[in-house]
Protein backbone atom coordinates (compact mmCIF):
# COMPACT_ATOMS: atom_id res chain seq x y z
CA UNK A 1 -4.14 36.73 -12.98
CA UNK A 2 -5.69 38.48 -15.97
CA UNK A 3 -3.23 39.74 -18.54
CA UNK A 4 -0.69 37.06 -17.77
CA UNK A 5 0.44 34.78 -20.56
CA UNK A 6 -0.98 31.38 -19.53
CA UNK A 7 0.96 28.55 -21.13
CA UNK A 8 -0.01 24.95 -20.40
CA UNK A 9 2.48 23.01 -18.26
CA UNK A 10 3.55 19.81 -20.02
CA UNK A 11 5.99 18.52 -17.41
CA UNK A 12 6.86 18.91 -13.74
CA UNK A 13 10.26 19.18 -12.07
CA UNK A 14 10.83 16.82 -9.16
CA UNK A 15 13.32 17.98 -6.53
CA UNK A 16 13.75 14.38 -5.39
CA UNK A 17 14.94 13.22 -1.99
CA UNK A 18 18.20 15.12 -1.50
CA UNK A 19 21.20 16.54 -3.36
CA UNK A 20 23.65 14.45 -1.33
CA UNK A 21 24.09 10.83 -0.26
CA UNK A 22 23.01 9.64 -3.72
CA UNK A 23 25.07 6.43 -3.59
CA UNK A 24 23.83 5.50 -0.12
CA UNK A 25 20.22 6.21 -1.10
CA UNK A 26 20.65 4.26 -4.32
CA UNK A 27 21.96 1.19 -2.47
CA UNK A 28 19.31 1.50 0.24
CA UNK A 29 16.38 2.02 -2.14
CA UNK A 30 17.49 -0.60 -4.66
CA UNK A 31 18.08 -3.24 -1.98
CA UNK A 32 14.70 -2.73 -0.35
CA UNK A 33 12.93 -2.54 -3.71
CA UNK A 34 14.43 -5.83 -4.94
CA UNK A 35 13.82 -7.47 -1.54
CA UNK A 36 10.18 -6.37 -1.46
CA UNK A 37 9.60 -7.62 -5.01
CA UNK A 38 11.19 -10.98 -4.20
CA UNK A 39 9.47 -11.34 -0.81
CA UNK A 40 5.98 -10.57 -2.09
CA UNK A 41 6.49 -12.70 -5.21
CA UNK A 42 7.60 -15.58 -2.98
CA UNK A 43 4.41 -15.30 -0.89
CA UNK A 44 2.25 -15.35 -4.04
CA UNK A 45 4.17 -18.34 -5.44
CA UNK A 46 3.97 -20.23 -2.15
CA UNK A 47 0.24 -19.65 -1.62
CA UNK A 48 -0.73 -20.51 -5.21
CA UNK A 49 1.45 -23.63 -5.49
CA UNK A 50 0.95 -25.21 -2.04
CA UNK A 51 -2.48 -26.90 -1.55
CA UNK A 52 -2.09 -26.64 2.24
CA UNK A 53 -2.39 -22.84 1.93
CA UNK A 54 -5.54 -22.79 -0.20
CA UNK A 55 -7.62 -21.13 2.49
CA UNK A 56 -9.34 -17.71 2.74
CA UNK A 57 -6.66 -16.22 5.00
CA UNK A 58 -3.83 -17.05 2.61
CA UNK A 59 -5.93 -16.07 -0.41
CA UNK A 60 -6.27 -12.58 1.05
CA UNK A 61 -2.59 -12.52 2.05
CA UNK A 62 -1.50 -13.41 -1.50
CA UNK A 63 -3.64 -10.60 -2.89
CA UNK A 64 -2.19 -8.18 -0.34
CA UNK A 65 1.28 -9.20 -1.54
CA UNK A 66 0.18 -8.64 -5.14
CA UNK A 67 -0.94 -5.10 -4.29
CA UNK A 68 2.37 -4.54 -2.47
CA UNK A 69 4.13 -5.38 -5.72
CA UNK A 70 2.16 -2.52 -7.24
CA UNK A 71 3.03 -0.17 -4.36
CA UNK A 72 6.73 -0.86 -4.92
CA UNK A 73 6.53 -0.45 -8.68
CA UNK A 74 4.52 2.77 -8.99
CA UNK A 75 7.11 5.20 -7.59
CA UNK A 76 10.30 3.34 -6.56
CA UNK A 77 11.83 2.61 -10.02
CA UNK A 78 11.64 6.26 -11.11
CA UNK A 79 12.89 7.45 -7.72
CA UNK A 80 15.94 5.16 -8.03
CA UNK A 81 16.48 6.19 -11.65
CA UNK A 82 16.31 9.91 -10.77
CA UNK A 83 18.87 9.72 -7.94
CA UNK A 84 21.79 10.42 -10.30
CA UNK A 85 19.95 12.81 -12.60
CA UNK A 86 20.39 16.55 -12.14
CA UNK A 87 17.24 17.40 -14.10
CA UNK A 88 14.43 15.27 -12.67
CA UNK A 89 11.20 15.69 -14.61
CA UNK A 90 7.94 13.86 -15.08
CA UNK A 91 5.37 14.55 -17.79
CA UNK A 92 1.83 15.66 -17.01
CA UNK A 93 0.52 12.29 -18.24
CA UNK A 94 3.16 10.54 -16.10
CA UNK A 95 1.82 12.37 -13.04
CA UNK A 96 -1.74 11.35 -13.88
CA UNK A 97 -0.66 7.70 -14.24
CA UNK A 98 1.06 7.82 -10.83
CA UNK A 99 -2.05 9.41 -9.29
CA UNK A 100 -4.25 6.72 -10.76
CA UNK A 101 -2.25 3.69 -9.63
CA UNK A 102 -1.32 5.10 -6.19
CA UNK A 103 -4.97 5.59 -5.28
CA UNK A 104 -6.22 2.40 -6.93
CA UNK A 105 -3.72 0.31 -4.98
CA UNK A 106 -4.37 2.30 -1.80
CA UNK A 107 -8.09 1.56 -2.05
CA UNK A 108 -7.43 -2.12 -2.80
CA UNK A 109 -5.15 -2.54 0.23
CA UNK A 110 -7.62 -0.76 2.51
CA UNK A 111 -10.44 -3.16 1.62
CA UNK A 112 -8.14 -6.20 1.78
CA UNK A 113 -7.04 -5.27 5.31
CA UNK A 114 -10.68 -4.93 6.34
CA UNK A 115 -11.40 -8.31 4.75
CA UNK A 116 -8.48 -9.88 6.64
CA UNK A 117 -9.85 -8.53 9.93
CA UNK A 118 -13.29 -9.96 9.10
CA UNK A 119 -11.69 -13.30 8.21
CA UNK A 120 -9.91 -13.49 11.58
CA UNK A 121 -13.09 -12.49 13.44
CA UNK A 122 -15.05 -15.33 11.81
CA UNK A 123 -12.20 -17.84 12.30
CA UNK A 124 -11.93 -17.05 16.02
CA UNK A 125 -15.50 -16.05 16.92
CA UNK A 126 -17.41 -18.54 14.76
CA UNK A 127 -14.99 -21.37 13.91
CA UNK A 128 -17.74 -23.92 13.15
CA UNK A 129 -19.22 -21.63 10.49
CA UNK A 130 -15.89 -20.37 9.14
CA UNK A 131 -15.79 -22.30 5.85
CA UNK A 132 -19.46 -21.61 5.25
CA UNK A 133 -19.14 -17.85 5.72
CA UNK A 134 -15.66 -17.46 4.19
CA UNK A 135 -16.61 -19.44 1.09
CA UNK A 136 -14.80 -19.05 -2.25
CA UNK A 137 -17.67 -16.82 -3.36
CA UNK A 138 -17.12 -14.53 -0.35
CA UNK A 139 -13.37 -14.37 -1.06
CA UNK A 140 -14.02 -13.39 -4.68
CA UNK A 141 -16.57 -10.81 -3.46
CA UNK A 142 -13.93 -9.21 -1.22
CA UNK A 143 -11.42 -9.16 -4.08
CA UNK A 144 -13.87 -7.59 -6.56
CA UNK A 145 -15.00 -5.09 -3.90
CA UNK A 146 -11.37 -4.15 -3.24
CA UNK A 147 -10.59 -3.40 -6.88
CA UNK A 148 -13.90 -1.63 -7.48
CA UNK A 149 -13.32 0.54 -4.40
CA UNK A 150 -9.79 1.36 -5.55
CA UNK A 151 -10.93 2.23 -9.08
CA UNK A 152 -13.85 4.39 -7.93
CA UNK A 153 -11.71 6.18 -5.32
CA UNK A 154 -8.99 6.86 -7.90
CA UNK A 155 -11.45 8.09 -10.55
CA UNK A 156 -13.09 10.43 -8.03
CA UNK A 157 -9.67 11.86 -7.15
CA UNK A 158 -8.74 12.28 -10.81
CA UNK A 159 -12.04 14.05 -11.51
CA UNK A 160 -10.81 16.86 -9.26
CA UNK A 161 -7.85 17.45 -11.58
CA UNK A 162 -9.54 17.40 -14.98
CA UNK A 163 -10.32 21.10 -15.21
CA UNK A 164 -7.45 22.47 -13.12
CA UNK A 165 -5.34 25.04 -15.05
CA UNK A 166 -1.54 24.78 -14.77
CA UNK A 167 0.11 27.83 -16.25
CA UNK A 168 3.53 28.40 -14.67
CA UNK A 169 4.79 26.90 -11.41
CA UNK A 170 5.83 23.31 -12.07
CA UNK A 171 8.22 22.35 -9.24
CA UNK A 172 7.27 19.51 -6.87
CA UNK A 173 9.42 19.12 -3.78
CA UNK A 174 9.08 15.35 -3.83
CA UNK A 175 10.22 12.26 -5.75
CA UNK A 176 6.76 11.45 -7.13
CA UNK A 177 3.40 13.06 -7.89
CA UNK A 178 0.56 13.16 -5.42
CA UNK A 179 -2.34 15.49 -4.76
CA UNK A 180 -1.31 17.76 -1.84
CA UNK A 181 1.61 19.48 -3.61
CA UNK A 182 0.26 19.01 -7.14
CA UNK A 183 -2.98 20.89 -6.45
CA UNK A 184 -1.10 23.89 -5.03
CA UNK A 185 0.58 24.42 -8.43
CA UNK A 186 -2.74 25.14 -10.14
CA UNK A 187 -3.34 28.72 -11.29
CA UNK A 188 -6.58 29.09 -9.35
CA UNK A 189 -7.89 29.19 -5.80
CA UNK A 190 -7.65 25.59 -4.57
CA UNK A 191 -8.51 25.94 -0.87
CA UNK A 192 -11.91 24.31 -1.25
CA UNK A 193 -10.47 21.60 -3.47
CA UNK A 194 -7.68 20.89 -0.99
CA UNK A 195 -10.29 20.45 1.74
CA UNK A 196 -12.29 18.06 -0.48
CA UNK A 197 -9.19 15.99 -1.30
CA UNK A 198 -8.21 15.88 2.37
CA UNK A 199 -11.70 14.72 3.28
CA UNK A 200 -11.63 12.05 0.57
CA UNK A 201 -8.08 10.81 1.08
CA UNK A 202 -7.73 11.54 4.80
CA UNK A 203 -11.10 11.04 6.45
CA UNK A 204 -11.76 7.62 4.89
CA UNK A 205 -8.43 6.10 6.06
CA UNK A 206 -8.91 7.54 9.56
CA UNK A 207 -12.37 6.01 9.91
CA UNK A 208 -11.20 2.69 8.42
CA UNK A 209 -8.20 2.60 10.75
CA UNK A 210 -10.30 3.27 13.85
CA UNK A 211 -12.83 0.61 12.84
CA UNK A 212 -10.03 -1.91 12.25
CA UNK A 213 -8.39 -1.21 15.60
CA UNK A 214 -11.75 -1.57 17.38
CA UNK A 215 -12.36 -4.81 15.47
CA UNK A 216 -8.99 -6.25 16.46
CA UNK A 217 -9.56 -5.29 20.12
CA UNK A 218 -12.86 -7.20 20.02
CA UNK A 219 -11.12 -10.18 18.37
CA UNK A 220 -8.33 -10.20 20.98
CA UNK A 221 -10.89 -10.12 23.80
CA UNK A 222 -12.67 -13.04 22.11
CA UNK A 223 -9.41 -14.99 21.92
CA UNK A 224 -8.70 -14.42 25.61
CA UNK A 225 -12.16 -15.75 26.54
CA UNK A 226 -11.51 -18.97 24.65
CA UNK A 227 -8.29 -20.14 26.28
CA UNK A 228 -7.06 -23.05 24.20
CA UNK A 229 -3.98 -24.38 22.43
CA UNK A 230 -4.82 -22.25 19.41
CA UNK A 231 -4.92 -19.00 21.37
CA UNK A 232 -1.20 -18.28 21.10
CA UNK A 233 -1.27 -19.02 17.37
CA UNK A 234 -4.30 -16.75 16.91
CA UNK A 235 -2.66 -13.93 18.89
CA UNK A 236 0.52 -14.30 16.84
CA UNK A 237 -1.47 -13.99 13.60
CA UNK A 238 -3.43 -11.03 14.97
CA UNK A 239 -0.27 -9.20 16.06
CA UNK A 240 1.12 -9.56 12.54
CA UNK A 241 -2.11 -8.23 11.01
CA UNK A 242 -2.27 -5.28 13.42
CA UNK A 243 1.34 -4.37 12.61
CA UNK A 244 0.58 -4.42 8.87
CA UNK A 245 -2.49 -2.22 9.48
CA UNK A 246 -0.43 0.35 11.43
CA UNK A 247 2.32 0.35 8.77
CA UNK A 248 -0.23 0.97 6.03
CA UNK A 249 -2.50 3.53 7.69
CA UNK A 250 0.11 5.38 9.79
CA UNK A 251 1.97 7.22 6.98
CA UNK A 252 -1.25 7.57 4.95
CA UNK A 253 -3.18 9.31 7.74
CA UNK A 254 -0.24 11.53 8.67
CA UNK A 255 0.41 12.47 5.03
CA UNK A 256 -3.16 13.56 4.25
CA UNK A 257 -4.44 14.94 7.56
CA UNK A 258 -1.44 16.68 9.17
CA UNK A 259 -2.00 20.45 8.83
CA UNK A 260 1.51 21.51 7.80
CA UNK A 261 4.02 18.66 7.63
CA UNK A 262 7.66 19.56 7.11
CA UNK A 263 9.15 18.69 3.76
CA UNK A 264 11.70 16.30 5.26
CA UNK A 265 9.08 14.45 7.30
CA UNK A 266 6.79 14.37 4.28
CA UNK A 267 9.50 12.72 2.17
CA UNK A 268 10.41 10.27 4.93
CA UNK A 269 6.78 9.11 5.21
CA UNK A 270 6.50 8.85 1.44
CA UNK A 271 9.62 6.70 1.09
CA UNK A 272 8.58 4.63 4.11
CA UNK A 273 5.23 3.95 2.46
CA UNK A 274 6.67 3.30 -1.01
CA UNK A 275 9.80 1.30 -0.12
CA UNK A 276 9.83 0.05 3.47
CA UNK A 277 6.20 -1.03 4.00
CA UNK A 278 6.09 -3.40 0.96
CA UNK A 279 9.39 -4.86 2.20
CA UNK A 280 8.23 -5.30 5.81
CA UNK A 281 4.79 -6.76 5.06
CA UNK A 282 6.00 -10.17 3.78
CA UNK A 283 8.48 -10.43 6.66
CA UNK A 284 5.82 -9.64 9.27
CA UNK A 285 3.28 -11.99 7.71
CA UNK A 286 5.70 -14.95 7.52
CA UNK A 287 8.10 -14.43 10.45
CA UNK A 288 5.80 -16.02 13.05
CA UNK A 289 3.67 -18.07 10.66
CA UNK A 290 4.77 -21.69 10.91
CA UNK A 291 2.52 -22.87 8.07
CA UNK A 292 4.05 -20.38 5.67
CA UNK A 293 7.59 -21.28 6.73
CA UNK A 294 6.94 -24.99 6.21
CA UNK A 295 5.34 -24.32 2.82
CA UNK A 296 8.30 -22.18 1.69
CA UNK A 297 10.75 -24.91 2.74
CA UNK A 298 8.65 -27.42 0.81
CA UNK A 299 8.73 -25.22 -2.31
CA UNK A 300 12.49 -24.76 -1.93
CA UNK A 301 13.06 -28.52 -1.74
CA UNK A 302 10.91 -29.06 -4.80
CA UNK A 303 12.89 -26.48 -6.77
CA UNK A 304 16.22 -28.02 -5.66
CA UNK A 305 15.04 -31.51 -6.61
CA UNK A 306 13.78 -30.24 -9.97
CA UNK A 307 17.16 -28.62 -10.75
CA UNK A 308 18.98 -31.80 -9.78
CA UNK A 309 16.76 -33.97 -11.95
CA UNK A 310 17.12 -31.61 -14.91
């Protein structure tokens, strides 16, 4: 590319979701965004305010809901805002910020899901030692490990972009910034870098997903060996956790490891991960959880009584 006038790219054009159905997409995206924010906030409020839920399982669940608030907020507000804009742009620094938070939160959720699987294994396999192993110190360790993993993973990903030259092409066929398309816009050979990013962002989730599935199979087999009144409750909790794991890892693995995904499928997976998954997680985690339902009703009654008294 010698002899070409290389001018630094200061902003990127986002093609967004589609040029039609803006009103329908606006209603759909806004409704799910608000619902996910309210649902996850309700879980955090319920767990923190109800002493009956001050246990390791609900501690991890509340932190998962907190990270889901971040998932919803990183890309959804701009996507909704851009639906009625003809010229959709994002600055270079805006892209970097999206990169950073997307991968921080992704790393956090990955470790939290592993921690939740470990918590269920100890609760079912070693119930007499549960409170000793899953002590407050262990819970804090998992939380710190989750955020450290997310930060390190995100910084490693960002280090790949520091010296990349962007000198012309600046169109992203998406509604947000992420590595696969972004790297291809660089004015240099990025084949090796694309492989490295795929290995970092694709291989790790695949291995984590397989380990989690194997772990849950072992836990389910353990539950079936101990036939008791708590078995159905344990299986119900496990089914909710497994569903959350599949919802999180499914789009992520497909997005980063599929050789040549179509643009439409790529966008569907991205919006599913950014809008639908944070909305579904609180529903899945509370739908068959009697303790959470009772706690939410208790909080609701307290709020009603407080309003009446005031």
